[in-house]
Protein backbone atom coordinates (compact mmCIF):
# COMPACT_ATOMS: atom_id res chain seq x y z
CA MET A 1 11.35 1.09 -8.41
CA ARG A 2 10.85 -1.28 -5.76
CA VAL A 3 11.25 -2.51 -9.28
CA ARG A 4 7.97 -2.88 -6.55
CA ARG A 5 11.16 0.15 -6.34
CA THR A 6 15.69 6.57 -1.14
CA SER A 7 16.98 9.36 2.15
CA THR A 8 19.01 10.23 5.66
CA VAL A 9 16.00 8.65 7.35
CA ILE A 10 14.70 7.90 3.95
CA SER A 11 11.76 5.44 3.29
CA VAL A 12 12.20 2.70 1.35
CA THR A 13 11.27 0.19 -2.81
CA ALA A 14 10.14 -1.77 -4.00
CA ALA A 15 11.16 -1.86 -5.40
CA LEU A 16 9.79 -4.89 -5.61
CA ALA A 17 10.55 -3.75 -5.59
CA LEU A 18 9.14 -2.93 -7.64
CA LEU A 19 11.69 -2.43 -9.59
CA ALA A 20 13.32 -2.79 -13.12
CA GLY A 21 12.95 -0.24 -15.93
CA CYS A 22 12.13 -0.84 -19.71
CA ALA A 23 13.14 2.07 -22.10
CA PRO A 24 9.85 3.47 -23.56
CA THR A 25 9.45 4.11 -27.41
CA GLN A 26 10.61 7.77 -27.81
CA SER A 27 7.41 9.88 -28.61
CA ALA A 28 6.72 13.14 -30.39
CA PRO A 29 6.72 16.29 -28.40
CA ALA A 30 3.90 16.18 -25.69
CA ALA A 31 0.75 17.59 -26.38
CA ALA A 32 -0.24 20.78 -24.61
CA GLY A 33 -2.38 20.27 -21.60
CA GLY A 34 -4.92 22.40 -19.66
CA ASP A 35 -6.32 23.24 -16.46
CA ASP A 36 -9.75 22.18 -16.28
CA GLN A 37 -11.64 22.17 -12.95
CA THR A 38 -14.14 19.51 -13.60
CA GLY A 39 -14.41 16.25 -15.17
CA THR A 40 -12.96 13.08 -14.82
CA LEU A 41 -9.29 12.55 -13.58
CA ARG A 42 -7.73 9.45 -14.89
CA VAL A 43 -5.04 7.64 -12.76
CA TRP A 44 -2.84 4.78 -13.40
CA LEU A 45 -1.62 2.87 -10.42
CA PHE A 46 0.48 -0.28 -10.09
CA ASP A 47 -1.40 -3.42 -9.48
CA GLU A 48 -0.42 -5.62 -6.32
CA ALA A 49 -0.45 -9.40 -5.61
CA SER A 50 -2.62 -8.24 -2.67
CA ARG A 51 -4.24 -5.08 -4.05
CA ALA A 52 -7.33 -4.80 -1.55
CA PRO A 53 -5.37 -2.88 1.26
CA LYS A 54 -3.84 -0.48 -1.28
CA GLU A 55 -7.12 -0.19 -3.03
CA ALA A 56 -9.05 0.75 0.08
CA ALA A 57 -6.63 3.48 1.07
CA VAL A 58 -6.80 5.09 -2.48
CA LYS A 59 -10.60 4.93 -2.38
CA GLU A 60 -10.51 6.86 0.75
CA ALA A 61 -8.46 9.55 -0.81
CA ILE A 62 -10.75 9.66 -3.82
CA THR A 63 -13.59 10.15 -1.48
CA GLU A 64 -11.95 12.81 0.41
CA PHE A 65 -10.63 14.54 -3.10
CA LYS A 66 -14.25 14.48 -4.64
CA ALA A 67 -15.89 16.02 -1.41
CA ALA A 68 -13.26 19.00 -1.74
CA HIS A 69 -13.67 19.20 -5.72
CA ALA A 70 -17.40 19.58 -6.96
CA GLY A 71 -17.91 18.30 -10.40
CA VAL A 72 -14.73 15.97 -10.30
CA ASP A 73 -14.69 12.15 -10.64
CA VAL A 74 -11.49 9.86 -10.37
CA ASP A 75 -11.07 6.74 -12.45
CA VAL A 76 -8.36 4.51 -11.46
CA GLN A 77 -6.96 2.01 -13.85
CA TRP A 78 -4.66 -0.75 -12.12
CA VAL A 79 -1.60 -1.44 -14.19
CA PRO A 80 0.27 -4.79 -13.85
CA VAL A 81 3.76 -3.92 -13.17
CA GLU A 82 5.23 -6.61 -15.69
CA GLY A 83 3.12 -4.92 -18.40
CA ARG A 84 3.80 -1.24 -17.74
CA ALA A 85 6.30 -0.88 -20.45
CA ASP A 86 3.75 -1.34 -23.51
CA LYS A 87 1.14 0.51 -21.39
CA PHE A 88 3.37 3.76 -20.73
CA SER A 89 4.79 3.27 -24.40
CA GLY A 90 1.35 3.74 -25.66
CA ALA A 91 0.66 6.84 -23.67
CA PHE A 92 3.92 8.49 -24.66
CA ASN A 93 3.01 8.12 -28.22
CA ASP A 94 -0.81 8.98 -28.11
CA PRO A 95 -1.31 11.66 -25.49
CA SER A 96 -5.10 11.35 -26.00
CA ASN A 97 -4.74 7.93 -24.21
CA ALA A 98 -2.50 9.16 -21.44
CA PRO A 99 -3.61 9.27 -17.88
CA ASP A 100 -3.54 12.63 -15.87
CA VAL A 101 -1.72 10.92 -13.05
CA ALA A 102 0.58 7.94 -13.13
CA GLU A 103 2.57 5.60 -10.51
CA PHE A 104 5.98 4.64 -11.92
CA GLY A 105 9.15 3.43 -10.30
CA ASN A 106 12.20 5.78 -9.95
CA THR A 107 14.43 3.65 -11.79
CA ASP A 108 12.26 4.60 -14.74
CA VAL A 109 12.65 8.44 -14.39
CA ALA A 110 15.44 9.10 -16.77
CA SER A 111 13.76 7.02 -19.66
CA TYR A 112 10.24 8.57 -19.21
CA ALA A 113 11.52 12.04 -18.87
CA GLN A 114 13.36 11.47 -22.28
CA THR A 115 9.97 11.33 -23.99
CA GLY A 116 9.06 14.67 -22.95
CA ALA A 117 5.53 13.41 -21.98
CA LEU A 118 5.95 14.09 -18.40
CA SER A 119 5.26 17.42 -16.45
CA ASP A 120 8.21 18.88 -14.59
CA LEU A 121 6.91 19.14 -11.05
CA THR A 122 9.77 20.98 -9.64
CA GLY A 123 7.76 24.38 -9.12
CA ASP A 124 4.69 22.26 -7.75
CA ILE A 125 6.89 20.63 -5.16
CA SER A 126 8.44 23.72 -4.17
CA SER A 127 5.18 25.46 -3.51
CA TRP A 128 3.59 22.27 -1.98
CA SER A 129 3.15 22.88 1.87
CA GLU A 130 4.50 19.35 2.62
CA GLY A 131 7.45 19.60 0.22
CA LYS A 132 9.87 20.59 2.47
CA ASP A 133 9.63 17.45 4.52
CA LEU A 134 10.74 15.30 1.70
CA LEU A 135 14.10 13.54 2.28
CA PRO A 136 16.51 14.89 -0.08
CA SER A 137 17.94 11.92 -0.98
CA VAL A 138 14.47 10.55 -2.15
CA LEU A 139 13.75 13.53 -4.01
CA ASP A 140 16.91 13.16 -5.97
CA THR A 141 15.73 9.84 -7.27
CA ALA A 142 12.80 11.70 -8.84
CA LYS A 143 15.13 13.97 -10.91
CA SER A 144 16.53 13.91 -14.39
CA GLY A 145 18.37 16.74 -16.14
CA GLY A 146 17.96 19.09 -13.16
CA LYS A 147 13.95 18.61 -13.32
CA THR A 148 11.79 16.70 -11.00
CA TYR A 149 9.15 14.36 -12.79
CA GLY A 150 7.36 12.77 -9.86
CA LEU A 151 6.27 13.30 -6.14
CA PRO A 152 8.07 10.46 -4.31
CA TRP A 153 5.18 8.19 -2.88
CA TYR A 154 7.04 5.69 -1.09
CA THR A 155 10.51 4.22 -0.93
CA GLY A 156 12.07 0.73 -0.62
CA ILE A 157 15.13 -0.26 1.47
CA ARG A 158 16.35 -3.70 2.13
CA ALA A 159 18.10 -5.24 5.08
CA LEU A 160 19.09 -8.73 6.32
CA TYR A 161 16.58 -11.08 7.58
CA TYR A 162 17.82 -13.86 9.48
CA ARG A 163 16.31 -16.97 11.51
CA THR A 164 16.64 -16.39 14.97
CA ASP A 165 15.99 -20.14 16.07
CA VAL A 166 18.41 -21.25 13.61
CA PHE A 167 21.18 -18.91 14.76
CA THR A 168 20.38 -19.64 18.51
CA GLU A 169 20.81 -23.31 17.71
CA LEU A 170 23.97 -23.09 15.90
CA GLY A 171 25.34 -20.53 18.35
CA LEU A 172 25.75 -17.87 15.65
CA LYS A 173 25.26 -14.01 16.12
CA PRO A 174 23.97 -11.66 13.35
CA PRO A 175 26.94 -11.17 11.02
CA ALA A 176 29.10 -7.92 11.46
CA THR A 177 30.59 -8.07 8.01
CA LEU A 178 29.84 -9.40 4.60
CA ALA A 179 32.64 -12.02 5.06
CA GLU A 180 31.02 -12.98 8.24
CA LEU A 181 27.52 -13.31 6.57
CA THR A 182 29.15 -15.72 3.95
CA ASP A 183 30.90 -17.75 6.75
CA ASP A 184 27.45 -17.94 8.53
CA ALA A 185 25.48 -19.06 5.52
CA ARG A 186 28.14 -21.75 4.85
CA LYS A 187 27.85 -22.99 8.52
CA ILE A 188 23.95 -23.03 8.15
CA HIS A 189 23.79 -25.06 4.96
CA ALA A 190 26.37 -27.33 6.36
CA ALA A 191 24.58 -28.27 9.68
CA LYS A 192 20.97 -28.19 7.85
CA PRO A 193 21.42 -29.31 4.41
CA ASP A 194 17.71 -28.67 3.72
CA LEU A 195 18.12 -25.09 4.26
CA TYR A 196 19.97 -22.44 1.93
CA GLY A 197 22.48 -20.61 3.96
CA ILE A 198 21.01 -17.61 2.49
CA SER A 199 18.33 -17.31 -0.08
CA THR A 200 19.74 -15.06 -2.66
CA GLY A 201 19.58 -15.15 -6.60
CA GLY A 202 21.10 -14.61 -9.66
CA LYS A 203 18.33 -12.44 -10.75
CA TYR A 204 18.44 -10.18 -7.79
CA THR A 205 20.21 -7.00 -8.80
CA TYR A 206 19.24 -5.18 -5.76
CA ALA A 207 20.96 -7.75 -3.43
CA LEU A 208 23.92 -7.67 -5.45
CA LEU A 209 24.31 -3.76 -5.94
CA PRO A 210 25.07 -3.24 -1.82
CA PHE A 211 28.12 -5.90 -2.19
CA VAL A 212 29.63 -3.57 -4.99
CA TRP A 213 28.96 -0.41 -3.22
CA ALA A 214 30.30 -1.94 0.15
CA ASN A 215 33.49 -2.81 -1.46
CA GLY A 216 34.02 0.77 -2.77
CA GLY A 217 32.91 0.02 -6.18
CA ASP A 218 30.18 1.02 -8.55
CA VAL A 219 28.30 -0.08 -11.86
CA ALA A 220 29.01 2.99 -13.90
CA GLU A 221 30.46 6.57 -13.75
CA SER A 222 29.49 9.61 -15.50
CA ASP A 223 31.94 12.10 -17.21
CA GLY A 224 30.39 15.26 -19.01
CA GLY A 225 27.15 13.51 -18.90
CA LYS A 226 28.47 10.21 -20.88
CA TRP A 227 28.12 7.13 -18.74
CA THR A 228 30.57 4.23 -18.88
CA SER A 229 30.80 1.02 -17.17
CA THR A 230 32.98 0.35 -14.12
CA VAL A 231 32.02 -3.26 -13.24
CA GLU A 232 35.69 -4.36 -14.12
CA SER A 233 37.16 -1.99 -11.45
CA PRO A 234 39.02 -3.94 -8.67
CA GLN A 235 36.33 -2.68 -6.14
CA ALA A 236 33.38 -3.64 -8.31
CA LYS A 237 34.94 -6.98 -9.17
CA ALA A 238 35.52 -7.98 -5.38
CA GLY A 239 31.71 -6.98 -4.82
CA ILE A 240 30.40 -9.05 -7.57
CA THR A 241 32.61 -11.98 -6.65
CA ALA A 242 31.67 -11.87 -3.12
CA TYR A 243 27.90 -11.95 -4.01
CA ALA A 244 28.36 -14.89 -6.69
CA ASN A 245 30.10 -16.94 -4.03
CA LEU A 246 26.70 -17.16 -2.24
CA LEU A 247 25.53 -19.05 -5.04
CA LYS A 248 27.39 -22.16 -4.54
CA ASP A 249 26.79 -25.60 -3.67
CA ASP A 250 27.79 -24.94 -0.07
CA ILE A 251 25.48 -22.08 0.40
CA CYS A 252 22.73 -21.68 -2.18
CA PRO A 253 23.25 -24.15 -4.96
CA PRO A 254 23.30 -22.54 -8.34
CA ALA A 255 21.02 -25.31 -9.70
CA ALA A 256 18.37 -23.95 -7.59
CA CYS A 257 19.49 -20.15 -6.90
CA ALA A 258 20.98 -18.82 -10.04
CA ASN A 259 17.57 -18.15 -11.44
CA LEU A 260 16.05 -16.76 -8.45
CA THR A 261 14.51 -13.26 -8.28
CA GLY A 262 14.12 -10.87 -5.40
CA THR A 263 10.67 -12.01 -4.83
CA GLN A 264 11.59 -15.65 -5.19
CA SER A 265 14.50 -15.19 -2.72
CA VAL A 266 12.31 -13.89 -0.11
CA THR A 267 9.62 -16.24 -0.57
CA ALA A 268 12.11 -19.12 0.05
CA PHE A 269 12.79 -17.59 3.23
CA ALA A 270 9.37 -17.03 4.35
CA GLY A 271 8.54 -20.46 3.56
CA GLY A 272 11.18 -21.85 6.02
CA LYS A 273 13.66 -22.77 3.30
CA ALA A 274 16.60 -20.44 4.29
CA GLY A 275 18.64 -19.19 7.22
CA MET A 276 18.87 -15.78 5.64
CA THR A 277 17.79 -13.52 2.96
CA ILE A 278 17.92 -9.96 1.70
CA GLY A 279 14.64 -8.19 1.67
CA GLY A 280 13.01 -4.91 1.72
CA ASP A 281 10.52 -3.28 4.42
CA PHE A 282 7.87 -3.96 1.93
CA ASN A 283 8.51 -7.69 2.24
CA ARG A 284 7.71 -7.77 6.00
CA LYS A 285 4.02 -8.41 5.74
CA ALA A 286 4.65 -11.48 3.30
CA VAL A 287 7.24 -12.73 5.73
CA GLU A 288 4.84 -12.49 8.63
CA GLN A 289 2.43 -14.49 6.80
CA GLY A 290 5.05 -17.51 6.19
CA ALA A 291 6.31 -20.00 8.30
CA VAL A 292 9.26 -18.28 10.01
CA LYS A 293 6.73 -16.08 11.77
CA GLY A 294 8.08 -15.48 15.11
CA LYS A 295 11.22 -17.05 14.36
CA TYR A 296 13.05 -14.26 12.46
CA ALA A 297 14.64 -10.90 12.96
CA VAL A 298 16.14 -8.10 10.91
CA VAL A 299 19.35 -6.00 10.94
CA PRO A 300 21.06 -3.63 8.42
CA LEU A 301 23.02 -5.69 5.91
CA PRO A 302 26.63 -5.29 7.13
CA GLY A 303 29.55 -3.70 5.19
CA THR A 304 33.13 -4.96 4.87
CA THR A 305 34.29 -3.69 8.36
CA PRO A 306 32.68 -4.34 11.56
CA GLY A 307 29.94 -1.73 12.66
CA SER A 308 29.61 -0.59 9.00
CA VAL A 309 26.35 -0.87 6.84
CA ALA A 310 26.29 -1.78 3.31
CA PRO A 311 24.74 1.10 1.14
CA ALA A 312 21.39 0.04 0.32
CA PHE A 313 19.65 0.79 -3.36
CA ALA A 314 17.14 3.33 -2.67
CA GLY A 315 14.02 2.22 -4.62
CA GLY A 316 10.68 3.55 -4.48
CA ASN A 317 7.75 4.62 -6.55
CA LEU A 318 6.67 8.22 -7.73
CA LEU A 319 3.47 10.08 -8.83
CA GLY A 320 3.94 11.75 -11.92
CA VAL A 321 1.60 14.10 -13.96
CA PHE A 322 1.35 13.99 -17.85
CA GLY A 323 1.96 17.02 -19.73
CA ALA A 324 -1.12 16.33 -21.91
CA SER A 325 -3.47 16.45 -19.05
CA LYS A 326 -6.24 18.73 -19.44
CA ARG A 327 -6.54 18.97 -15.67
CA HIS A 328 -3.00 19.60 -14.61
CA GLY A 329 -3.95 21.40 -11.42
CA LEU A 330 -6.38 18.62 -10.22
CA ALA A 331 -3.84 16.12 -11.28
CA VAL A 332 -0.98 17.85 -8.92
CA GLN A 333 -3.40 18.05 -6.35
CA PHE A 334 -4.60 14.54 -6.28
CA ALA A 335 -0.75 13.42 -6.51
CA GLU A 336 -0.20 15.59 -3.28
CA LEU A 337 -2.99 14.21 -1.45
CA LEU A 338 -1.65 10.55 -2.05
CA ALA A 339 1.80 11.64 -1.40
CA GLY A 340 0.89 13.60 1.72
CA ALA A 341 1.29 12.57 5.33
CA LYS A 342 -2.08 11.45 5.86
CA TYR A 343 -2.09 8.87 2.99
CA GLN A 344 1.62 8.00 3.42
CA GLU A 345 0.78 6.68 6.70
CA LYS A 346 -2.14 4.92 5.70
CA MET A 347 -0.36 3.20 2.75
CA TYR A 348 2.41 2.13 5.32
CA ASN A 349 -0.34 0.56 7.48
CA ALA A 350 -2.00 -0.92 4.27
CA MET A 351 1.13 -2.28 2.49
CA GLY A 352 4.18 -1.67 4.54
CA ASN A 353 5.51 1.08 2.23
CA LEU A 354 7.96 3.21 3.87
CA PRO A 355 7.12 6.92 3.60
CA THR A 356 9.13 9.56 1.79
CA LEU A 357 8.24 12.35 4.19
CA GLU A 358 10.58 12.50 7.24
CA SER A 359 8.19 13.36 9.95
CA VAL A 360 5.76 10.52 9.05
CA GLN A 361 8.95 8.15 8.97
CA LYS A 362 10.21 9.26 12.35
CA LYS A 363 6.55 8.99 13.90
CA LEU A 364 6.12 5.30 12.56
CA ALA A 365 9.60 4.36 13.61
CA ALA A 366 8.93 5.43 17.20
CA SER A 367 6.01 3.42 17.22
CA ASP A 368 7.13 0.36 15.13
CA PRO A 369 10.57 -0.92 16.16
CA THR A 370 10.56 -3.44 13.30
CA LEU A 371 11.17 -0.17 11.29
CA LYS A 372 14.68 0.40 12.88
CA PRO A 373 17.00 -1.68 10.80
CA PHE A 374 15.40 -0.14 7.61
CA VAL A 375 15.64 3.42 8.99
CA ASP A 376 19.26 2.82 10.08
CA THR A 377 19.94 1.58 6.61
CA LEU A 378 18.70 4.82 5.30
CA ALA A 379 20.60 6.78 7.68
CA ALA A 380 23.73 5.06 7.03
CA GLY A 381 23.55 6.33 3.29
CA THR A 382 22.05 4.88 0.12
CA LYS A 383 23.01 4.78 -3.35
CA PHE A 384 21.07 4.88 -6.87
CA VAL A 385 21.59 3.26 -10.28
CA PRO A 386 22.82 5.44 -13.15
CA SER A 387 20.27 8.34 -14.00
CA THR A 388 20.02 7.66 -17.76
CA PRO A 389 17.84 5.84 -20.06
CA GLY A 390 20.58 3.54 -20.87
CA TRP A 391 20.29 1.90 -17.47
CA SER A 392 16.83 0.88 -18.22
CA LYS A 393 18.07 -1.15 -21.32
CA ILE A 394 20.85 -2.70 -19.12
CA ASP A 395 18.38 -3.72 -16.59
CA SER A 396 15.67 -4.97 -18.86
CA GLN A 397 18.58 -7.12 -20.64
CA ASN A 398 19.57 -8.67 -17.47
CA VAL A 399 23.33 -7.71 -18.11
CA LEU A 400 24.52 -7.91 -14.37
CA PRO A 401 22.43 -10.90 -13.90
CA THR A 402 23.69 -12.67 -16.56
CA ALA A 403 27.29 -12.06 -15.48
CA VAL A 404 26.54 -13.21 -12.04
CA GLN A 405 24.95 -16.36 -13.24
CA GLN A 406 27.99 -17.10 -15.42
CA ILE A 407 30.40 -16.49 -12.47
CA ALA A 408 28.15 -18.79 -10.10
CA THR A 409 27.79 -21.56 -12.45
CA GLY A 410 31.35 -21.51 -13.83
CA GLY A 411 29.95 -20.72 -17.20
CA LYS A 412 32.68 -17.87 -17.49
CA ASP A 413 35.46 -16.68 -15.18
CA VAL A 414 35.17 -13.32 -13.38
CA ASP A 415 37.10 -11.48 -15.86
CA GLY A 416 35.34 -12.91 -18.83
CA ALA A 417 31.85 -12.43 -17.57
CA LEU A 418 32.59 -8.84 -16.50
CA ALA A 419 34.22 -8.09 -19.79
CA ASP A 420 31.11 -8.96 -21.75
CA ALA A 421 28.87 -7.08 -19.13
CA THR A 422 31.07 -3.93 -19.70
CA ALA A 423 30.66 -4.24 -23.47
CA ALA A 424 26.94 -4.68 -23.21
CA MET A 425 26.48 -1.66 -20.73
CA ASN A 426 28.70 0.58 -22.72
CA LYS A 427 26.72 -0.30 -26.12
CA ASN A 428 23.57 0.81 -24.14
CA PHE A 429 25.12 3.91 -22.50
CA GLY A 430 25.87 5.00 -26.19
């Protein structure tokens, strides 16, 4: 998720972002649902630090939905992202307490699908009038085992934010490669010791992954459905090492940066404490409200060769329907309303969430030039984490962040840290 937590012109995460998954408790077989056309539709949506704009858009959708469905009410519960694991586990194990519709991150799809509690929406999306407009790469992140478990609501893509005033003062240009990014970050911190050259953290997995992918590596591979870690490959090792080298005293001192999350990294930049950061389209409003307003720009995160773009993590959130819902048809229709063009645009205006419908994305990009670096990043190609319940465990255990922190602080050398990470990952993959 933008874990909040993908496309050719794909919309972004969250992310933050939204975006680390926790494996739910395995449930018993899902209870049989129904298709009542009246009553109260129960909806779970993620809470936000600034919920009011999102809530206003959702309330407008509820008013429209109720006007079209006599005898129907919609009850929304706002679920804290940090507490979602327990909330969803309860719903998986007790269908009577499950919602009809729920928002969840795309990194959670595989583990949630494993419970058997979610409806397969493949047929519903195929017959949805706006379904053909969904970006294929984004739709892929909603799938597990060949079935689709959610309507992509928005996606999250990260790019490179940089201080235009600092770059101008020091005679720097936006970096064309990851090596240049590192050199620029070092120059910024040397010239301005009160600034991190780039604010990025040891706990920022979705900033780490593009370094791995840009170097031709990956974190795991699947053979016949069995996943195994590949972080010890030369390519992955080069990417992880390059990222860990940003967490050094001459760029972003590990004492301050080793424990930074993605949100904290962006917050440091927005507060005027860094020359660069890696942030999502969903972070723009927060940056605009910070000390760097009017003094920053965004470009795609470069790859390893001039002109290339580092593959971004395709984060984002979905709207799923529980199989135990007594109002399956209504649940699907409400999810389609929220995920349709009208409310995707409203959610973009309210929260900065990048749409998953290609036509909406193109429309917004044409009218808002600040979207260009994110759309260009999407067009260059995105990647996703392993689609398996094991990844949720690896993510929740901070396996990769621990390796990065050990390398950055000198606690272990690269080989030792990645050997430990490989063992932990393969244990969770099973």
